[in-house]
PDB file of N, CA and C in Angstrom:
ATOM      1  N   ILE A   1     250.666 230.442  -5.805  1.00  0.00           N
ATOM      2  CA  ILE A   1     249.273 230.493  -5.410  1.00  0.00           C
ATOM      3  C   ILE A   1     248.644 231.793  -5.904  1.00  0.00           C
ATOM      4  N   LYS A   2     249.375 232.884  -5.758  1.00  0.00           N
ATOM      5  CA  LYS A   2     248.842 234.167  -6.231  1.00  0.00           C
ATOM      6  C   LYS A   2     248.616 234.143  -7.739  1.00  0.00           C
ATOM      7  N   GLN A   3     249.481 233.466  -8.469  1.00  0.00           N
ATOM      8  CA  GLN A   3     249.356 233.361  -9.916  1.00  0.00           C
ATOM      9  C   GLN A   3     248.061 232.644 -10.294  1.00  0.00           C
ATOM     10  N   LEU A   4     247.549 231.818  -9.390  1.00  0.00           N
ATOM     11  CA  LEU A   4     246.316 231.080  -9.627  1.00  0.00           C
ATOM     12  C   LEU A   4     245.083 231.823  -9.113  1.00  0.00           C
ATOM     13  N   GLY A   5     245.297 232.985  -8.511  1.00  0.00           N
ATOM     14  CA  GLY A   5     244.182 233.758  -7.973  1.00  0.00           C
ATOM     15  C   GLY A   5     243.901 233.468  -6.514  1.00  0.00           C
ATOM     16  N   GLY A   6     244.831 232.786  -5.848  1.00  0.00           N
ATOM     17  CA  GLY A   6     244.652 232.450  -4.443  1.00  0.00           C
ATOM     18  C   GLY A   6     245.360 233.435  -3.528  1.00  0.00           C
ATOM     19  N   LYS A   7     245.129 233.249  -2.246  1.00  0.00           N
ATOM     20  CA  LYS A   7     245.750 234.121  -1.243  1.00  0.00           C
ATOM     21  C   LYS A   7     246.506 233.270  -0.232  1.00  0.00           C
ATOM     22  N   THR A   8     247.563 233.862   0.294  1.00  0.00           N
ATOM     23  CA  THR A   8     248.381 233.195   1.299  1.00  0.00           C
ATOM     24  C   THR A   8     248.665 234.149   2.448  1.00  0.00           C
ATOM     25  N   LYS A   9     249.038 233.572   3.564  1.00  0.00           N
ATOM     26  CA  LYS A   9     249.459 234.367   4.718  1.00  0.00           C
ATOM     27  C   LYS A   9     250.688 233.701   5.311  1.00  0.00           C
ATOM     28  N   VAL A  10     251.773 234.446   5.399  1.00  0.00           N
ATOM     29  CA  VAL A  10     253.013 233.928   5.969  1.00  0.00           C
ATOM     30  C   VAL A  10     252.954 234.104   7.481  1.00  0.00           C
ATOM     31  N   THR A  11     253.287 233.032   8.208  1.00  0.00           N
ATOM     32  CA  THR A  11     253.328 233.079   9.666  1.00  0.00           C
ATOM     33  C   THR A  11     254.754 232.811  10.132  1.00  0.00           C
ATOM     34  N   ASP A  12     254.976 232.862  11.423  1.00  0.00           N
ATOM     35  CA  ASP A  12     256.320 232.620  11.962  1.00  0.00           C
ATOM     36  C   ASP A  12     256.839 231.222  11.652  1.00  0.00           C
ATOM     37  N   ASP A  13     255.922 230.259  11.563  1.00  0.00           N
ATOM     38  CA  ASP A  13     256.368 228.882  11.371  1.00  0.00           C
ATOM     39  C   ASP A  13     255.818 228.218  10.116  1.00  0.00           C
ATOM     40  N   GLY A  14     255.325 229.006   9.178  1.00  0.00           N
ATOM     41  CA  GLY A  14     254.822 228.391   7.955  1.00  0.00           C
ATOM     42  C   GLY A  14     254.049 229.355   7.081  1.00  0.00           C
ATOM     43  N   ILE A  15     253.144 228.791   6.315  1.00  0.00           N
ATOM     44  CA  ILE A  15     252.336 229.579   5.393  1.00  0.00           C
ATOM     45  C   ILE A  15     250.926 228.983   5.374  1.00  0.00           C
ATOM     46  N   THR A  16     249.934 229.858   5.388  1.00  0.00           N
ATOM     47  CA  THR A  16     248.550 229.430   5.281  1.00  0.00           C
ATOM     48  C   THR A  16     248.094 229.713   3.864  1.00  0.00           C
ATOM     49  N   VAL A  17     247.507 228.717   3.218  1.00  0.00           N
ATOM     50  CA  VAL A  17     247.002 228.868   1.858  1.00  0.00           C
ATOM     51  C   VAL A  17     245.480 228.822   1.929  1.00  0.00           C
ATOM     52  N   PHE A  18     244.849 229.863   1.427  1.00  0.00           N
ATOM     53  CA  PHE A  18     243.395 229.936   1.443  1.00  0.00           C
ATOM     54  C   PHE A  18     242.836 229.356   0.148  1.00  0.00           C
ATOM     55  N   PRO A  19     241.643 228.792   0.189  1.00  0.00           N
ATOM     56  CA  PRO A  19     241.059 228.178  -1.006  1.00  0.00           C
ATOM     57  C   PRO A  19     240.976 229.158  -2.179  1.00  0.00           C
ATOM     58  N   ILE A  20     241.180 228.620  -3.353  1.00  0.00           N
ATOM     59  CA  ILE A  20     241.082 229.406  -4.580  1.00  0.00           C
ATOM     60  C   ILE A  20     239.634 229.373  -5.023  1.00  0.00           C
ATOM     61  N   GLU A  21     239.064 230.560  -5.226  1.00  0.00           N
ATOM     62  CA  GLU A  21     237.641 230.674  -5.546  1.00  0.00           C
ATOM     63  C   GLU A  21     237.275 230.040  -6.883  1.00  0.00           C
ATOM     64  N   LYS A  22     238.040 230.341  -7.919  1.00  0.00           N
ATOM     65  CA  LYS A  22     237.734 229.840  -9.257  1.00  0.00           C
ATOM     66  C   LYS A  22     238.961 229.195  -9.860  1.00  0.00           C
ATOM     67  N   LYS A  23     238.767 228.069 -10.526  1.00  0.00           N
ATOM     68  CA  LYS A  23     239.873 227.419 -11.216  1.00  0.00           C
ATOM     69  C   LYS A  23     240.295 228.278 -12.400  1.00  0.00           C
ATOM     70  N   PRO A  24     241.604 228.295 -12.685  1.00  0.00           N
ATOM     71  CA  PRO A  24     242.077 229.056 -13.846  1.00  0.00           C
ATOM     72  C   PRO A  24     241.477 228.514 -15.143  1.00  0.00           C
ATOM     73  N   THR A  25     241.166 229.422 -16.052  1.00  0.00           N
ATOM     74  CA  THR A  25     240.631 229.012 -17.350  1.00  0.00           C
ATOM     75  C   THR A  25     241.620 229.270 -18.475  1.00  0.00           C
ATOM     76  N   LYS A  26     242.716 229.943 -18.174  1.00  0.00           N
ATOM     77  CA  LYS A  26     243.749 230.163 -19.185  1.00  0.00           C
ATOM     78  C   LYS A  26     244.972 229.335 -18.828  1.00  0.00           C
ATOM     79  N   SER A  27     245.802 229.071 -19.812  1.00  0.00           N
ATOM     80  CA  SER A  27     247.007 228.272 -19.588  1.00  0.00           C
ATOM     81  C   SER A  27     247.998 229.025 -18.708  1.00  0.00           C
ATOM     82  N   ILE A  28     248.518 228.326 -17.727  1.00  0.00           N
ATOM     83  CA  ILE A  28     249.498 228.895 -16.801  1.00  0.00           C
ATOM     84  C   ILE A  28     250.606 227.866 -16.612  1.00  0.00           C
ATOM     85  N   VAL A  29     251.845 228.309 -16.728  1.00  0.00           N
ATOM     86  CA  VAL A  29     252.994 227.464 -16.407  1.00  0.00           C
ATOM     87  C   VAL A  29     253.495 227.914 -15.045  1.00  0.00           C
ATOM     88  N   LEU A  30     253.403 227.016 -14.080  1.00  0.00           N
ATOM     89  CA  LEU A  30     253.773 227.353 -12.711  1.00  0.00           C
ATOM     90  C   LEU A  30     255.279 227.227 -12.509  1.00  0.00           C
ATOM     91  N   PRO A  31     255.906 228.262 -11.942  1.00  0.00           N
ATOM     92  CA  PRO A  31     257.332 228.165 -11.642  1.00  0.00           C
ATOM     93  C   PRO A  31     257.533 227.281 -10.423  1.00  0.00           C
ATOM     94  N   THR A  32     258.632 226.560 -10.380  1.00  0.00           N
ATOM     95  CA  THR A  32     258.908 225.688  -9.237  1.00  0.00           C
ATOM     96  C   THR A  32     260.154 226.117  -8.471  1.00  0.00           C
ATOM     97  N   PHE A  33     260.860 227.100  -8.985  1.00  0.00           N
ATOM     98  CA  PHE A  33     262.020 227.681  -8.304  1.00  0.00           C
ATOM     99  C   PHE A  33     263.097 226.655  -7.987  1.00  0.00           C
ATOM    100  N   GLY A  34     263.126 225.559  -8.756  1.00  0.00           N
ATOM    101  CA  GLY A  34     264.128 224.525  -8.532  1.00  0.00           C
ATOM    102  C   GLY A  34     263.933 223.760  -7.234  1.00  0.00           C
ATOM    103  N   ASP A  35     262.759 223.865  -6.636  1.00  0.00           N
ATOM    104  CA  ASP A  35     262.476 223.230  -5.344  1.00  0.00           C
ATOM    105  C   ASP A  35     261.566 222.023  -5.560  1.00  0.00           C
ATOM    106  N   HIS A  36     262.046 220.845  -5.185  1.00  0.00           N
ATOM    107  CA  HIS A  36     261.286 219.617  -5.402  1.00  0.00           C
ATOM    108  C   HIS A  36     259.942 219.621  -4.680  1.00  0.00           C
ATOM    109  N   ARG A  37     259.862 220.278  -3.544  1.00  0.00           N
ATOM    110  CA  ARG A  37     258.600 220.321  -2.797  1.00  0.00           C
ATOM    111  C   ARG A  37     257.562 221.157  -3.526  1.00  0.00           C
ATOM    112  N   VAL A  38     257.995 222.289  -4.050  1.00  0.00           N
ATOM    113  CA  VAL A  38     257.094 223.146  -4.817  1.00  0.00           C
ATOM    114  C   VAL A  38     256.653 222.431  -6.095  1.00  0.00           C
ATOM    115  N   THR A  39     257.591 221.729  -6.721  1.00  0.00           N
ATOM    116  CA  THR A  39     257.275 220.987  -7.940  1.00  0.00           C
ATOM    117  C   THR A  39     256.193 219.948  -7.681  1.00  0.00           C
ATOM    118  N   MET A  40     256.296 219.225  -6.577  1.00  0.00           N
ATOM    119  CA  MET A  40     255.298 218.194  -6.278  1.00  0.00           C
ATOM    120  C   MET A  40     253.921 218.809  -6.022  1.00  0.00           C
ATOM    121  N   VAL A  41     253.870 219.896  -5.293  1.00  0.00           N
ATOM    122  CA  VAL A  41     252.583 220.550  -5.034  1.00  0.00           C
ATOM    123  C   VAL A  41     251.978 221.063  -6.334  1.00  0.00           C
ATOM    124  N   CYS A  42     252.767 221.730  -7.146  1.00  0.00           N
ATOM    125  CA  CYS A  42     252.272 222.251  -8.424  1.00  0.00           C
ATOM    126  C   CYS A  42     251.831 221.115  -9.343  1.00  0.00           C
ATOM    127  N   SER A  43     252.546 220.012  -9.316  1.00  0.00           N
ATOM    128  CA  SER A  43     252.187 218.863 -10.145  1.00  0.00           C
ATOM    129  C   SER A  43     250.854 218.272  -9.718  1.00  0.00           C
ATOM    130  N   LEU A  44     250.610 218.223  -8.426  1.00  0.00           N
ATOM    131  CA  LEU A  44     249.312 217.735  -7.937  1.00  0.00           C
ATOM    132  C   LEU A  44     248.178 218.638  -8.415  1.00  0.00           C
ATOM    133  N   LEU A  45     248.387 219.940  -8.352  1.00  0.00           N
ATOM    134  CA  LEU A  45     247.372 220.869  -8.866  1.00  0.00           C
ATOM    135  C   LEU A  45     247.134 220.638 -10.351  1.00  0.00           C
ATOM    136  N   ALA A  46     248.205 220.406 -11.081  1.00  0.00           N
ATOM    137  CA  ALA A  46     248.097 220.230 -12.536  1.00  0.00           C
ATOM    138  C   ALA A  46     247.341 218.954 -12.913  1.00  0.00           C
ATOM    139  N   THR A  47     247.276 217.978 -12.014  1.00  0.00           N
ATOM    140  CA  THR A  47     246.511 216.766 -12.331  1.00  0.00           C
ATOM    141  C   THR A  47     245.012 217.030 -12.318  1.00  0.00           C
ATOM    142  N   LYS A  48     244.592 218.071 -11.646  1.00  0.00           N
ATOM    143  CA  LYS A  48     243.168 218.390 -11.530  1.00  0.00           C
ATOM    144  C   LYS A  48     242.739 219.563 -12.408  1.00  0.00           C
ATOM    145  N   TRP A  49     243.670 220.394 -12.770  1.00  0.00           N
ATOM    146  CA  TRP A  49     243.351 221.590 -13.553  1.00  0.00           C
ATOM    147  C   TRP A  49     244.076 221.505 -14.880  1.00  0.00           C
ATOM    148  N   PRO A  50     243.373 221.201 -15.951  1.00  0.00           N
ATOM    149  CA  PRO A  50     244.021 220.956 -17.242  1.00  0.00           C
ATOM    150  C   PRO A  50     244.754 222.156 -17.839  1.00  0.00           C
ATOM    151  N   HIS A  51     244.516 223.336 -17.340  1.00  0.00           N
ATOM    152  CA  HIS A  51     245.171 224.528 -17.882  1.00  0.00           C
ATOM    153  C   HIS A  51     246.523 224.807 -17.231  1.00  0.00           C
ATOM    154  N   LEU A  52     246.912 223.977 -16.281  1.00  0.00           N
ATOM    155  CA  LEU A  52     248.173 224.203 -15.574  1.00  0.00           C
ATOM    156  C   LEU A  52     249.267 223.294 -16.098  1.00  0.00           C
ATOM    157  N   ALA A  53     250.465 223.828 -16.124  1.00  0.00           N
ATOM    158  CA  ALA A  53     251.661 223.060 -16.448  1.00  0.00           C
ATOM    159  C   ALA A  53     252.725 223.437 -15.417  1.00  0.00           C
ATOM    160  N   VAL A  54     253.731 222.604 -15.296  1.00  0.00           N
ATOM    161  CA  VAL A  54     254.783 222.813 -14.294  1.00  0.00           C
ATOM    162  C   VAL A  54     256.121 222.976 -14.989  1.00  0.00           C
ATOM    163  N   ARG A  55     256.823 224.046 -14.649  1.00  0.00           N
ATOM    164  CA  ARG A  55     258.151 224.268 -15.205  1.00  0.00           C
ATOM    165  C   ARG A  55     259.156 223.420 -14.430  1.00  0.00           C
ATOM    166  N   ASP A  56     260.050 222.783 -15.131  1.00  0.00           N
ATOM    167  CA  ASP A  56     261.155 222.001 -14.566  1.00  0.00           C
ATOM    168  C   ASP A  56     260.690 220.887 -13.618  1.00  0.00           C
ATOM    169  N   PRO A  57     259.835 219.978 -14.109  1.00  0.00           N
ATOM    170  CA  PRO A  57     259.336 218.904 -13.258  1.00  0.00           C
ATOM    171  C   PRO A  57     260.413 217.910 -12.794  1.00  0.00           C
ATOM    172  N   SER A  58     261.568 217.950 -13.422  1.00  0.00           N
ATOM    173  CA  SER A  58     262.619 216.991 -13.064  1.00  0.00           C
ATOM    174  C   SER A  58     263.184 217.217 -11.666  1.00  0.00           C
ATOM    175  N   THR A  59     262.855 218.329 -11.027  1.00  0.00           N
ATOM    176  CA  THR A  59     263.402 218.568  -9.682  1.00  0.00           C
ATOM    177  C   THR A  59     262.922 217.534  -8.667  1.00  0.00           C
ATOM    178  N   VAL A  60     261.827 216.811  -8.972  1.00  0.00           N
ATOM    179  CA  VAL A  60     261.347 215.795  -8.033  1.00  0.00           C
ATOM    180  C   VAL A  60     262.333 214.635  -7.905  1.00  0.00           C
ATOM    181  N   SER A  61     263.223 214.492  -8.868  1.00  0.00           N
ATOM    182  CA  SER A  61     264.182 213.376  -8.826  1.00  0.00           C
ATOM    183  C   SER A  61     265.103 213.458  -7.614  1.00  0.00           C
ATOM    184  N   LYS A  62     265.184 214.627  -6.999  1.00  0.00           N
ATOM    185  CA  LYS A  62     266.040 214.805  -5.829  1.00  0.00           C
ATOM    186  C   LYS A  62     265.582 213.922  -4.663  1.00  0.00           C
ATOM    187  N   THR A  63     264.269 213.853  -4.432  1.00  0.00           N
ATOM    188  CA  THR A  63     263.770 213.116  -3.280  1.00  0.00           C
ATOM    189  C   THR A  63     262.755 212.024  -3.623  1.00  0.00           C
ATOM    190  N   PHE A  64     262.161 212.094  -4.822  1.00  0.00           N
ATOM    191  CA  PHE A  64     261.094 211.151  -5.156  1.00  0.00           C
ATOM    192  C   PHE A  64     261.110 210.903  -6.656  1.00  0.00           C
ATOM    193  N   PRO A  65     262.140 210.203  -7.147  1.00  0.00           N
ATOM    194  CA  PRO A  65     262.289 210.017  -8.589  1.00  0.00           C
ATOM    195  C   PRO A  65     261.111 209.298  -9.249  1.00  0.00           C
ATOM    196  N   MET A  66     260.348 208.546  -8.502  1.00  0.00           N
ATOM    197  CA  MET A  66     259.200 207.819  -9.055  1.00  0.00           C
ATOM    198  C   MET A  66     257.884 208.588  -8.884  1.00  0.00           C
ATOM    199  N   PHE A  67     257.957 209.866  -8.562  1.00  0.00           N
ATOM    200  CA  PHE A  67     256.769 210.668  -8.276  1.00  0.00           C
ATOM    201  C   PHE A  67     255.744 210.615  -9.405  1.00  0.00           C
ATOM    202  N   TYR A  68     256.163 210.845 -10.644  1.00  0.00           N
ATOM    203  CA  TYR A  68     255.210 210.873 -11.760  1.00  0.00           C
ATOM    204  C   TYR A  68     254.704 209.474 -12.093  1.00  0.00           C
ATOM    205  N   HIS A  69     255.526 208.475 -11.859  1.00  0.00           N
ATOM    206  CA  HIS A  69     255.084 207.091 -12.034  1.00  0.00           C
ATOM    207  C   HIS A  69     253.977 206.778 -11.017  1.00  0.00           C
ATOM    208  N   MET A  70     254.161 207.246  -9.784  1.00  0.00           N
ATOM    209  CA  MET A  70     253.155 207.037  -8.748  1.00  0.00           C
ATOM    210  C   MET A  70     251.848 207.744  -9.109  1.00  0.00           C
ATOM    211  N   LEU A  71     251.948 208.951  -9.622  1.00  0.00           N
ATOM    212  CA  LEU A  71     250.738 209.659 -10.049  1.00  0.00           C
ATOM    213  C   LEU A  71     250.015 208.882 -11.132  1.00  0.00           C
ATOM    214  N   ALA A  72     250.752 208.336 -12.069  1.00  0.00           N
ATOM    215  CA  ALA A  72     250.150 207.556 -13.160  1.00  0.00           C
ATOM    216  C   ALA A  72     249.459 206.307 -12.606  1.00  0.00           C
ATOM    217  N   LYS A  73     250.079 205.656 -11.630  1.00  0.00           N
ATOM    218  CA  LYS A  73     249.466 204.470 -11.030  1.00  0.00           C
ATOM    219  C   LYS A  73     248.166 204.824 -10.315  1.00  0.00           C
ATOM    220  N   LEU A  74     248.062 206.057  -9.847  1.00  0.00           N
ATOM    221  CA  LEU A  74     246.838 206.519  -9.186  1.00  0.00           C
ATOM    222  C   LEU A  74     245.790 206.990 -10.196  1.00  0.00           C
ATOM    223  N   GLY A  75     246.152 206.938 -11.471  1.00  0.00           N
ATOM    224  CA  GLY A  75     245.204 207.308 -12.512  1.00  0.00           C
ATOM    225  C   GLY A  75     245.265 208.749 -12.960  1.00  0.00           C
ATOM    226  N   HIS A  76     246.312 209.453 -12.556  1.00  0.00           N
ATOM    227  CA  HIS A  76     246.455 210.864 -12.940  1.00  0.00           C
ATOM    228  C   HIS A  76     247.419 210.993 -14.109  1.00  0.00           C
ATOM    229  N   GLN A  77     246.955 211.644 -15.140  1.00  0.00           N
ATOM    230  CA  GLN A  77     247.858 211.932 -16.242  1.00  0.00           C
ATOM    231  C   GLN A  77     248.483 213.292 -15.989  1.00  0.00           C
ATOM    232  N   PHE A  78     249.775 213.341 -16.118  1.00  0.00           N
ATOM    233  CA  PHE A  78     250.507 214.589 -15.914  1.00  0.00           C
ATOM    234  C   PHE A  78     251.425 214.782 -17.101  1.00  0.00           C
ATOM    235  N   VAL A  79     251.279 215.913 -17.743  1.00  0.00           N
ATOM    236  CA  VAL A  79     252.142 216.236 -18.882  1.00  0.00           C
ATOM    237  C   VAL A  79     253.021 217.404 -18.480  1.00  0.00           C
ATOM    238  N   PRO A  80     254.306 217.145 -18.202  1.00  0.00           N
ATOM    239  CA  PRO A  80     255.198 218.215 -17.789  1.00  0.00           C
ATOM    240  C   PRO A  80     255.447 219.230 -18.893  1.00  0.00           C
ATOM    241  N   SER A  81     255.781 220.442 -18.501  1.00  0.00           N
ATOM    242  CA  SER A  81     256.133 221.492 -19.443  1.00  0.00           C
ATOM    243  C   SER A  81     257.494 222.034 -19.052  1.00  0.00           C
ATOM    244  N   ASN A  82     258.364 222.212 -20.031  1.00  0.00           N
ATOM    245  CA  ASN A  82     259.695 222.781 -19.753  1.00  0.00           C
ATOM    246  C   ASN A  82     259.870 224.060 -20.523  1.00  0.00           C
TER     247      ASN A  82
END
């Protein structure tokens, strides 16, 4: 989130993500840290912001192997970056 210009606040039981003021205008490859949950969130952002790409999108296969197929059925084009 910070890489995108956003702010977060860590709490005892989670994390609060504050709205990002401006969409990125330069290309950014978002790290996913090998975590399928982070990969899915970053992938959703990448469907709306053409300058974003996701590193190691295959981590979604752990819990939701059809994730990108589902995005395509919803009309979202996602081009993974490795």
